[in-house]
Amino acid sequence: MSQVIGQRELRNDNAEIMRRVEAGERFTVTRNGKPIADIVPHQAGVAPKRRSLGEVQAVFRDLPPMDVERWYRERAADDEVFGTDDPVDGAWSR
């Protein structure tokens, strides 16, 4: 479990807090009473958990549906401002 500290306390006591983090303690830093950061001990060599195909599919299933026509409209509007990025049809083919 982490200890909650204010941003001012972190600023004023940063050396002591870093020693405590090095010793294994965890802190949640708040600003105006709202959590903004977690300070946790570094874990060298710990690889992130790999997800199975089923877990990845579940994440994608929960995404909102994509409006393809809206995507094409936005892309066309961006091309008007920035130019095309199509290497076959645009400035890249010159």
PDB file of N, CA and C in Angstrom:
ATOM      1  N   MET A   1       0.842  -1.176   0.000  1.00  0.00           N
ATOM      2  CA  MET A   1       0.000   0.000   0.000  1.00  0.00           C
ATOM      3  C   MET A   1       0.887   1.238   0.000  1.00  0.00           C
ATOM      4  N   SER A   2       0.447   2.262  -0.746  1.00  0.00           N
ATOM      5  CA  SER A   2       1.281   3.457  -0.828  1.00  0.00           C
ATOM      6  C   SER A   2       0.830   4.521   0.158  1.00  0.00           C
ATOM      7  N   GLN A   3       1.779   5.346   0.517  1.00  0.00           N
ATOM      8  CA  GLN A   3       1.509   6.454   1.424  1.00  0.00           C
ATOM      9  C   GLN A   3       1.196   7.683   0.572  1.00  0.00           C
ATOM     10  N   VAL A   4       0.187   8.455   0.956  1.00  0.00           N
ATOM     11  CA  VAL A   4      -0.198   9.655   0.220  1.00  0.00           C
ATOM     12  C   VAL A   4       0.583  10.844   0.764  1.00  0.00           C
ATOM     13  N   ILE A   5       1.227  11.574  -0.157  1.00  0.00           N
ATOM     14  CA  ILE A   5       1.965  12.777   0.223  1.00  0.00           C
ATOM     15  C   ILE A   5       1.596  13.894  -0.750  1.00  0.00           C
ATOM     16  N   GLY A   6       1.684  15.114  -0.277  1.00  0.00           N
ATOM     17  CA  GLY A   6       1.421  16.263  -1.130  1.00  0.00           C
ATOM     18  C   GLY A   6       2.634  16.630  -1.966  1.00  0.00           C
ATOM     19  N   GLN A   7       2.373  17.359  -3.044  1.00  0.00           N
ATOM     20  CA  GLN A   7       3.440  17.802  -3.921  1.00  0.00           C
ATOM     21  C   GLN A   7       4.474  18.637  -3.162  1.00  0.00           C
ATOM     22  N   ARG A   8       4.016  19.470  -2.253  1.00  0.00           N
ATOM     23  CA  ARG A   8       4.932  20.307  -1.467  1.00  0.00           C
ATOM     24  C   ARG A   8       5.836  19.441  -0.592  1.00  0.00           C
ATOM     25  N   GLU A   9       5.267  18.402   0.019  1.00  0.00           N
ATOM     26  CA  GLU A   9       6.078  17.502   0.854  1.00  0.00           C
ATOM     27  C   GLU A   9       7.136  16.805   0.011  1.00  0.00           C
ATOM     28  N   LEU A  10       6.767  16.395  -1.195  1.00  0.00           N
ATOM     29  CA  LEU A  10       7.736  15.764  -2.092  1.00  0.00           C
ATOM     30  C   LEU A  10       8.871  16.741  -2.411  1.00  0.00           C
ATOM     31  N   ARG A  11       8.510  17.972  -2.703  1.00  0.00           N
ATOM     32  CA  ARG A  11       9.522  18.982  -3.019  1.00  0.00           C
ATOM     33  C   ARG A  11      10.448  19.241  -1.827  1.00  0.00           C
ATOM     34  N   ASN A  12       9.852  19.395  -0.658  1.00  0.00           N
ATOM     35  CA  ASN A  12      10.650  19.753   0.519  1.00  0.00           C
ATOM     36  C   ASN A  12      11.472  18.598   1.071  1.00  0.00           C
ATOM     37  N   ASP A  13      10.975  17.377   0.937  1.00  0.00           N
ATOM     38  CA  ASP A  13      11.637  16.221   1.543  1.00  0.00           C
ATOM     39  C   ASP A  13      12.055  15.191   0.494  1.00  0.00           C
ATOM     40  N   ASN A  14      12.411  15.637  -0.710  1.00  0.00           N
ATOM     41  CA  ASN A  14      12.647  14.679  -1.795  1.00  0.00           C
ATOM     42  C   ASN A  14      13.773  13.694  -1.500  1.00  0.00           C
ATOM     43  N   ALA A  15      14.854  14.110  -0.851  1.00  0.00           N
ATOM     44  CA  ALA A  15      15.957  13.180  -0.574  1.00  0.00           C
ATOM     45  C   ALA A  15      15.500  12.055   0.354  1.00  0.00           C
ATOM     46  N   GLU A  16      14.766  12.405   1.405  1.00  0.00           N
ATOM     47  CA  GLU A  16      14.263  11.393   2.343  1.00  0.00           C
ATOM     48  C   GLU A  16      13.265  10.466   1.661  1.00  0.00           C
ATOM     49  N   ILE A  17      12.395  11.023   0.851  1.00  0.00           N
ATOM     50  CA  ILE A  17      11.397  10.207   0.159  1.00  0.00           C
ATOM     51  C   ILE A  17      12.081   9.249  -0.812  1.00  0.00           C
ATOM     52  N   MET A  18      13.102   9.716  -1.532  1.00  0.00           N
ATOM     53  CA  MET A  18      13.816   8.838  -2.465  1.00  0.00           C
ATOM     54  C   MET A  18      14.521   7.709  -1.715  1.00  0.00           C
ATOM     55  N   ARG A  19      15.073   8.004  -0.546  1.00  0.00           N
ATOM     56  CA  ARG A  19      15.694   6.931   0.266  1.00  0.00           C
ATOM     57  C   ARG A  19      14.638   5.902   0.654  1.00  0.00           C
ATOM     58  N   ARG A  20      13.463   6.374   1.028  1.00  0.00           N
ATOM     59  CA  ARG A  20      12.400   5.445   1.426  1.00  0.00           C
ATOM     60  C   ARG A  20      11.893   4.625   0.235  1.00  0.00           C
ATOM     61  N   VAL A  21      11.824   5.248  -0.935  1.00  0.00           N
ATOM     62  CA  VAL A  21      11.437   4.509  -2.145  1.00  0.00           C
ATOM     63  C   VAL A  21      12.488   3.449  -2.444  1.00  0.00           C
ATOM     64  N   GLU A  22      13.738   3.815  -2.331  1.00  0.00           N
ATOM     65  CA  GLU A  22      14.828   2.858  -2.556  1.00  0.00           C
ATOM     66  C   GLU A  22      14.725   1.674  -1.598  1.00  0.00           C
ATOM     67  N   ALA A  23      14.206   1.938  -0.392  1.00  0.00           N
ATOM     68  CA  ALA A  23      14.041   0.878   0.607  1.00  0.00           C
ATOM     69  C   ALA A  23      12.769   0.062   0.369  1.00  0.00           C
ATOM     70  N   GLY A  24      11.975   0.438  -0.644  1.00  0.00           N
ATOM     71  CA  GLY A  24      10.811  -0.374  -0.982  1.00  0.00           C
ATOM     72  C   GLY A  24       9.458   0.279  -0.752  1.00  0.00           C
ATOM     73  N   GLU A  25       9.427   1.467  -0.198  1.00  0.00           N
ATOM     74  CA  GLU A  25       8.136   2.128   0.034  1.00  0.00           C
ATOM     75  C   GLU A  25       7.588   2.718  -1.257  1.00  0.00           C
ATOM     76  N   ARG A  26       6.267   2.917  -1.280  1.00  0.00           N
ATOM     77  CA  ARG A  26       5.579   3.486  -2.429  1.00  0.00           C
ATOM     78  C   ARG A  26       4.821   4.726  -1.973  1.00  0.00           C
ATOM     79  N   PHE A  27       4.734   5.717  -2.869  1.00  0.00           N
ATOM     80  CA  PHE A  27       4.049   6.962  -2.536  1.00  0.00           C
ATOM     81  C   PHE A  27       3.099   7.352  -3.658  1.00  0.00           C
ATOM     82  N   THR A  28       1.972   7.943  -3.279  1.00  0.00           N
ATOM     83  CA  THR A  28       1.077   8.591  -4.223  1.00  0.00           C
ATOM     84  C   THR A  28       1.154  10.083  -3.951  1.00  0.00           C
ATOM     85  N   VAL A  29       1.524  10.840  -4.970  1.00  0.00           N
ATOM     86  CA  VAL A  29       1.691  12.288  -4.823  1.00  0.00           C
ATOM     87  C   VAL A  29       0.389  12.971  -5.231  1.00  0.00           C
ATOM     88  N   THR A  30      -0.048  13.940  -4.418  1.00  0.00           N
ATOM     89  CA  THR A  30      -1.282  14.667  -4.716  1.00  0.00           C
ATOM     90  C   THR A  30      -0.987  16.144  -4.927  1.00  0.00           C
ATOM     91  N   ARG A  31      -1.853  16.765  -5.710  1.00  0.00           N
ATOM     92  CA  ARG A  31      -1.835  18.216  -5.876  1.00  0.00           C
ATOM     93  C   ARG A  31      -3.263  18.688  -5.646  1.00  0.00           C
ATOM     94  N   ASN A  32      -3.446  19.575  -4.698  1.00  0.00           N
ATOM     95  CA  ASN A  32      -4.781  20.046  -4.324  1.00  0.00           C
ATOM     96  C   ASN A  32      -5.709  18.874  -3.979  1.00  0.00           C
ATOM     97  N   GLY A  33      -5.146  17.863  -3.336  1.00  0.00           N
ATOM     98  CA  GLY A  33      -5.926  16.721  -2.889  1.00  0.00           C
ATOM     99  C   GLY A  33      -6.215  15.676  -3.943  1.00  0.00           C
ATOM    100  N   LYS A  34      -5.781  15.889  -5.200  1.00  0.00           N
ATOM    101  CA  LYS A  34      -6.025  14.920  -6.272  1.00  0.00           C
ATOM    102  C   LYS A  34      -4.749  14.159  -6.587  1.00  0.00           C
ATOM    103  N   PRO A  35      -4.799  12.834  -6.673  1.00  0.00           N
ATOM    104  CA  PRO A  35      -3.607  12.052  -7.013  1.00  0.00           C
ATOM    105  C   PRO A  35      -3.109  12.415  -8.413  1.00  0.00           C
ATOM    106  N   ILE A  36      -1.803  12.655  -8.542  1.00  0.00           N
ATOM    107  CA  ILE A  36      -1.234  12.984  -9.843  1.00  0.00           C
ATOM    108  C   ILE A  36      -0.090  12.061 -10.257  1.00  0.00           C
ATOM    109  N   ALA A  37       0.514  11.358  -9.302  1.00  0.00           N
ATOM    110  CA  ALA A  37       1.643  10.498  -9.659  1.00  0.00           C
ATOM    111  C   ALA A  37       1.852   9.437  -8.593  1.00  0.00           C
ATOM    112  N   ASP A  38       2.444   8.334  -9.020  1.00  0.00           N
ATOM    113  CA  ASP A  38       2.868   7.285  -8.102  1.00  0.00           C
ATOM    114  C   ASP A  38       4.382   7.190  -8.180  1.00  0.00           C
ATOM    115  N   ILE A  39       5.018   7.124  -7.045  1.00  0.00           N
ATOM    116  CA  ILE A  39       6.464   6.917  -6.979  1.00  0.00           C
ATOM    117  C   ILE A  39       6.671   5.528  -6.398  1.00  0.00           C
ATOM    118  N   VAL A  40       7.264   4.672  -7.213  1.00  0.00           N
ATOM    119  CA  VAL A  40       7.443   3.271  -6.818  1.00  0.00           C
ATOM    120  C   VAL A  40       8.901   2.873  -7.050  1.00  0.00           C
ATOM    121  N   PRO A  41       9.385   1.867  -6.342  1.00  0.00           N
ATOM    122  CA  PRO A  41      10.752   1.404  -6.571  1.00  0.00           C
ATOM    123  C   PRO A  41      10.927   0.889  -7.999  1.00  0.00           C
ATOM    124  N   HIS A  42      12.073   1.164  -8.570  1.00  0.00           N
ATOM    125  CA  HIS A  42      12.390   0.697  -9.920  1.00  0.00           C
ATOM    126  C   HIS A  42      12.571  -0.812  -9.914  1.00  0.00           C
ATOM    127  N   GLN A  43      12.082  -1.465 -10.949  1.00  0.00           N
ATOM    128  CA  GLN A  43      12.214  -2.913 -11.057  1.00  0.00           C
ATOM    129  C   GLN A  43      12.945  -3.246 -12.344  1.00  0.00           C
ATOM    130  N   ALA A  44      14.247  -3.268 -12.299  1.00  0.00           N
ATOM    131  CA  ALA A  44      15.053  -3.544 -13.484  1.00  0.00           C
ATOM    132  C   ALA A  44      14.831  -4.968 -13.969  1.00  0.00           C
ATOM    133  N   GLY A  45      14.725  -5.111 -15.251  1.00  0.00           N
ATOM    134  CA  GLY A  45      14.622  -6.429 -15.851  1.00  0.00           C
ATOM    135  C   GLY A  45      13.269  -7.090 -15.745  1.00  0.00           C
ATOM    136  N   VAL A  46      12.280  -6.401 -15.211  1.00  0.00           N
ATOM    137  CA  VAL A  46      10.950  -6.992 -15.113  1.00  0.00           C
ATOM    138  C   VAL A  46      10.198  -6.665 -16.398  1.00  0.00           C
ATOM    139  N   ALA A  47       9.907  -7.675 -17.177  1.00  0.00           N
ATOM    140  CA  ALA A  47       9.211  -7.484 -18.452  1.00  0.00           C
ATOM    141  C   ALA A  47       7.714  -7.302 -18.198  1.00  0.00           C
ATOM    142  N   PRO A  48       7.063  -6.471 -19.001  1.00  0.00           N
ATOM    143  CA  PRO A  48       5.622  -6.337 -18.854  1.00  0.00           C
ATOM    144  C   PRO A  48       4.925  -7.652 -19.193  1.00  0.00           C
ATOM    145  N   LYS A  49       3.788  -7.872 -18.569  1.00  0.00           N
ATOM    146  CA  LYS A  49       3.041  -9.114 -18.792  1.00  0.00           C
ATOM    147  C   LYS A  49       2.566  -9.176 -20.240  1.00  0.00           C
ATOM    148  N   ARG A  50       2.829 -10.285 -20.887  1.00  0.00           N
ATOM    149  CA  ARG A  50       2.359 -10.479 -22.261  1.00  0.00           C
ATOM    150  C   ARG A  50       0.920 -10.954 -22.215  1.00  0.00           C
ATOM    151  N   ARG A  51       0.102 -10.383 -23.069  1.00  0.00           N
ATOM    152  CA  ARG A  51      -1.307 -10.763 -23.124  1.00  0.00           C
ATOM    153  C   ARG A  51      -1.508 -11.887 -24.126  1.00  0.00           C
ATOM    154  N   SER A  52      -2.474 -12.731 -23.835  1.00  0.00           N
ATOM    155  CA  SER A  52      -2.820 -13.792 -24.773  1.00  0.00           C
ATOM    156  C   SER A  52      -3.649 -13.190 -25.901  1.00  0.00           C
ATOM    157  N   LEU A  53      -3.786 -13.944 -26.990  1.00  0.00           N
ATOM    158  CA  LEU A  53      -4.590 -13.486 -28.121  1.00  0.00           C
ATOM    159  C   LEU A  53      -6.020 -13.205 -27.677  1.00  0.00           C
ATOM    160  N   GLY A  54      -6.574 -14.064 -26.836  1.00  0.00           N
ATOM    161  CA  GLY A  54      -7.938 -13.865 -26.346  1.00  0.00           C
ATOM    162  C   GLY A  54      -8.084 -12.574 -25.556  1.00  0.00           C
ATOM    163  N   GLU A  55      -7.070 -12.233 -24.738  1.00  0.00           N
ATOM    164  CA  GLU A  55      -7.117 -10.983 -23.969  1.00  0.00           C
ATOM    165  C   GLU A  55      -7.065  -9.769 -24.888  1.00  0.00           C
ATOM    166  N   VAL A  56      -6.214  -9.824 -25.904  1.00  0.00           N
ATOM    167  CA  VAL A  56      -6.118  -8.711 -26.856  1.00  0.00           C
ATOM    168  C   VAL A  56      -7.433  -8.572 -27.628  1.00  0.00           C
ATOM    169  N   GLN A  57      -8.005  -9.682 -28.053  1.00  0.00           N
ATOM    170  CA  GLN A  57      -9.277  -9.630 -28.767  1.00  0.00           C
ATOM    171  C   GLN A  57     -10.374  -9.032 -27.891  1.00  0.00           C
ATOM    172  N   ALA A  58     -10.370  -9.354 -26.609  1.00  0.00           N
ATOM    173  CA  ALA A  58     -11.374  -8.807 -25.697  1.00  0.00           C
ATOM    174  C   ALA A  58     -11.230  -7.295 -25.581  1.00  0.00           C
ATOM    175  N   VAL A  59      -9.991  -6.802 -25.534  1.00  0.00           N
ATOM    176  CA  VAL A  59      -9.762  -5.356 -25.472  1.00  0.00           C
ATOM    177  C   VAL A  59     -10.309  -4.688 -26.731  1.00  0.00           C
ATOM    178  N   PHE A  60     -10.020  -5.264 -27.897  1.00  0.00           N
ATOM    179  CA  PHE A  60     -10.491  -4.672 -29.145  1.00  0.00           C
ATOM    180  C   PHE A  60     -12.012  -4.761 -29.276  1.00  0.00           C
ATOM    181  N   ARG A  61     -12.599  -5.814 -28.746  1.00  0.00           N
ATOM    182  CA  ARG A  61     -14.059  -5.958 -28.789  1.00  0.00           C
ATOM    183  C   ARG A  61     -14.753  -4.847 -28.016  1.00  0.00           C
ATOM    184  N   ASP A  62     -14.104  -4.346 -26.976  1.00  0.00           N
ATOM    185  CA  ASP A  62     -14.696  -3.307 -26.139  1.00  0.00           C
ATOM    186  C   ASP A  62     -14.530  -1.901 -26.714  1.00  0.00           C
ATOM    187  N   LEU A  63     -13.776  -1.751 -27.797  1.00  0.00           N
ATOM    188  CA  LEU A  63     -13.604  -0.434 -28.407  1.00  0.00           C
ATOM    189  C   LEU A  63     -14.887  -0.015 -29.120  1.00  0.00           C
ATOM    190  N   PRO A  64     -15.154   1.295 -29.188  1.00  0.00           N
ATOM    191  CA  PRO A  64     -16.351   1.738 -29.902  1.00  0.00           C
ATOM    192  C   PRO A  64     -16.204   1.467 -31.398  1.00  0.00           C
ATOM    193  N   PRO A  65     -17.311   1.309 -32.108  1.00  0.00           N
ATOM    194  CA  PRO A  65     -17.217   1.057 -33.551  1.00  0.00           C
ATOM    195  C   PRO A  65     -16.625   2.272 -34.266  1.00  0.00           C
ATOM    196  N   MET A  66     -15.974   1.993 -35.375  1.00  0.00           N
ATOM    197  CA  MET A  66     -15.324   3.054 -36.135  1.00  0.00           C
ATOM    198  C   MET A  66     -16.241   3.517 -37.263  1.00  0.00           C
ATOM    199  N   ASP A  67     -16.358   4.827 -37.430  1.00  0.00           N
ATOM    200  CA  ASP A  67     -17.134   5.413 -38.520  1.00  0.00           C
ATOM    201  C   ASP A  67     -16.181   5.607 -39.696  1.00  0.00           C
ATOM    202  N   VAL A  68     -16.227   4.684 -40.649  1.00  0.00           N
ATOM    203  CA  VAL A  68     -15.279   4.684 -41.756  1.00  0.00           C
ATOM    204  C   VAL A  68     -15.445   5.927 -42.619  1.00  0.00           C
ATOM    205  N   GLU A  69     -16.678   6.329 -42.901  1.00  0.00           N
ATOM    206  CA  GLU A  69     -16.907   7.514 -43.730  1.00  0.00           C
ATOM    207  C   GLU A  69     -16.333   8.762 -43.062  1.00  0.00           C
ATOM    208  N   ARG A  70     -16.505   8.869 -41.748  1.00  0.00           N
ATOM    209  CA  ARG A  70     -15.934  10.007 -41.021  1.00  0.00           C
ATOM    210  C   ARG A  70     -14.408   9.994 -41.120  1.00  0.00           C
ATOM    211  N   TRP A  71     -13.804   8.806 -41.022  1.00  0.00           N
ATOM    212  CA  TRP A  71     -12.350   8.684 -41.116  1.00  0.00           C
ATOM    213  C   TRP A  71     -11.867   9.182 -42.480  1.00  0.00           C
ATOM    214  N   TYR A  72     -12.568   8.779 -43.566  1.00  0.00           N
ATOM    215  CA  TYR A  72     -12.189   9.235 -44.904  1.00  0.00           C
ATOM    216  C   TYR A  72     -12.341  10.751 -45.039  1.00  0.00           C
ATOM    217  N   ARG A  73     -13.412  11.321 -44.479  1.00  0.00           N
ATOM    218  CA  ARG A  73     -13.609  12.772 -44.535  1.00  0.00           C
ATOM    219  C   ARG A  73     -12.485  13.498 -43.800  1.00  0.00           C
ATOM    220  N   GLU A  74     -12.140  13.019 -42.605  1.00  0.00           N
ATOM    221  CA  GLU A  74     -11.077  13.657 -41.836  1.00  0.00           C
ATOM    222  C   GLU A  74      -9.729  13.535 -42.544  1.00  0.00           C
ATOM    223  N   ARG A  75      -9.495  12.384 -43.144  1.00  0.00           N
ATOM    224  CA  ARG A  75      -8.235  12.194 -43.870  1.00  0.00           C
ATOM    225  C   ARG A  75      -8.156  13.135 -45.069  1.00  0.00           C
ATOM    226  N   ALA A  76      -9.248  13.300 -45.811  1.00  0.00           N
ATOM    227  CA  ALA A  76      -9.269  14.211 -46.959  1.00  0.00           C
ATOM    228  C   ALA A  76      -9.035  15.651 -46.501  1.00  0.00           C
ATOM    229  N   ALA A  77      -9.651  16.037 -45.386  1.00  0.00           N
ATOM    230  CA  ALA A  77      -9.446  17.393 -44.857  1.00  0.00           C
ATOM    231  C   ALA A  77      -7.989  17.591 -44.439  1.00  0.00           C
ATOM    232  N   ASP A  78      -7.393  16.592 -43.830  1.00  0.00           N
ATOM    233  CA  ASP A  78      -5.976  16.679 -43.450  1.00  0.00           C
ATOM    234  C   ASP A  78      -5.085  16.777 -44.681  1.00  0.00           C
ATOM    235  N   ASP A  79      -5.417  16.032 -45.745  1.00  0.00           N
ATOM    236  CA  ASP A  79      -4.627  16.085 -46.976  1.00  0.00           C
ATOM    237  C   ASP A  79      -4.679  17.472 -47.601  1.00  0.00           C
ATOM    238  N   GLU A  80      -5.806  18.163 -47.459  1.00  0.00           N
ATOM    239  CA  GLU A  80      -5.909  19.527 -47.988  1.00  0.00           C
ATOM    240  C   GLU A  80      -4.960  20.470 -47.247  1.00  0.00           C
ATOM    241  N   VAL A  81      -4.792  20.248 -45.966  1.00  0.00           N
ATOM    242  CA  VAL A  81      -3.927  21.116 -45.163  1.00  0.00           C
ATOM    243  C   VAL A  81      -2.461  20.716 -45.304  1.00  0.00           C
ATOM    244  N   PHE A  82      -2.165  19.426 -45.162  1.00  0.00           N
ATOM    245  CA  PHE A  82      -0.785  18.954 -45.094  1.00  0.00           C
ATOM    246  C   PHE A  82      -0.269  18.340 -46.388  1.00  0.00           C
ATOM    247  N   GLY A  83      -1.138  18.088 -47.333  1.00  0.00           N
ATOM    248  CA  GLY A  83      -0.749  17.388 -48.544  1.00  0.00           C
ATOM    249  C   GLY A  83      -0.864  15.890 -48.347  1.00  0.00           C
ATOM    250  N   THR A  84      -0.895  15.187 -49.456  1.00  0.00           N
ATOM    251  CA  THR A  84      -1.057  13.740 -49.368  1.00  0.00           C
ATOM    252  C   THR A  84       0.215  13.078 -48.853  1.00  0.00           C
ATOM    253  N   ASP A  85       0.031  11.947 -48.193  1.00  0.00           N
ATOM    254  CA  ASP A  85       1.194  11.186 -47.738  1.00  0.00           C
ATOM    255  C   ASP A  85       1.287   9.860 -48.489  1.00  0.00           C
ATOM    256  N   ASP A  86       0.551   9.781 -49.584  1.00  0.00           N
ATOM    257  CA  ASP A  86       0.567   8.562 -50.403  1.00  0.00           C
ATOM    258  C   ASP A  86       1.835   8.561 -51.248  1.00  0.00           C
ATOM    259  N   PRO A  87       2.765   7.622 -51.031  1.00  0.00           N
ATOM    260  CA  PRO A  87       4.035   7.631 -51.760  1.00  0.00           C
ATOM    261  C   PRO A  87       3.875   7.347 -53.252  1.00  0.00           C
ATOM    262  N   VAL A  88       2.761   6.759 -53.671  1.00  0.00           N
ATOM    263  CA  VAL A  88       2.549   6.448 -55.078  1.00  0.00           C
ATOM    264  C   VAL A  88       1.861   7.600 -55.788  1.00  0.00           C
ATOM    265  N   ASP A  89       0.948   8.288 -55.102  1.00  0.00           N
ATOM    266  CA  ASP A  89       0.099   9.288 -55.743  1.00  0.00           C
ATOM    267  C   ASP A  89       0.488  10.724 -55.427  1.00  0.00           C
ATOM    268  N   GLY A  90       1.405  10.933 -54.516  1.00  0.00           N
ATOM    269  CA  GLY A  90       1.653  12.300 -54.048  1.00  0.00           C
ATOM    270  C   GLY A  90       3.014  12.823 -54.448  1.00  0.00           C
ATOM    271  N   ALA A  91       3.474  13.772 -53.636  1.00  0.00           N
ATOM    272  CA  ALA A  91       4.748  14.440 -53.901  1.00  0.00           C
ATOM    273  C   ALA A  91       5.923  13.482 -53.831  1.00  0.00           C
ATOM    274  N   TRP A  92       5.751  12.359 -53.167  1.00  0.00           N
ATOM    275  CA  TRP A  92       6.841  11.399 -53.043  1.00  0.00           C
ATOM    276  C   TRP A  92       7.200  10.771 -54.383  1.00  0.00           C
ATOM    277  N   SER A  93       6.255  10.778 -55.328  1.00  0.00           N
ATOM    278  CA  SER A  93       6.519  10.085 -56.614  1.00  0.00           C
ATOM    279  C   SER A  93       7.262  10.954 -57.589  1.00  0.00           C
ATOM    280  N   ARG A  94       7.555  12.213 -57.260  1.00  0.00           N
ATOM    281  CA  ARG A  94       8.246  13.130 -58.180  1.00  0.00           C
ATOM    282  C   ARG A  94       9.727  12.862 -58.214  1.00  0.00           C
TER     283      ARG A  94
END
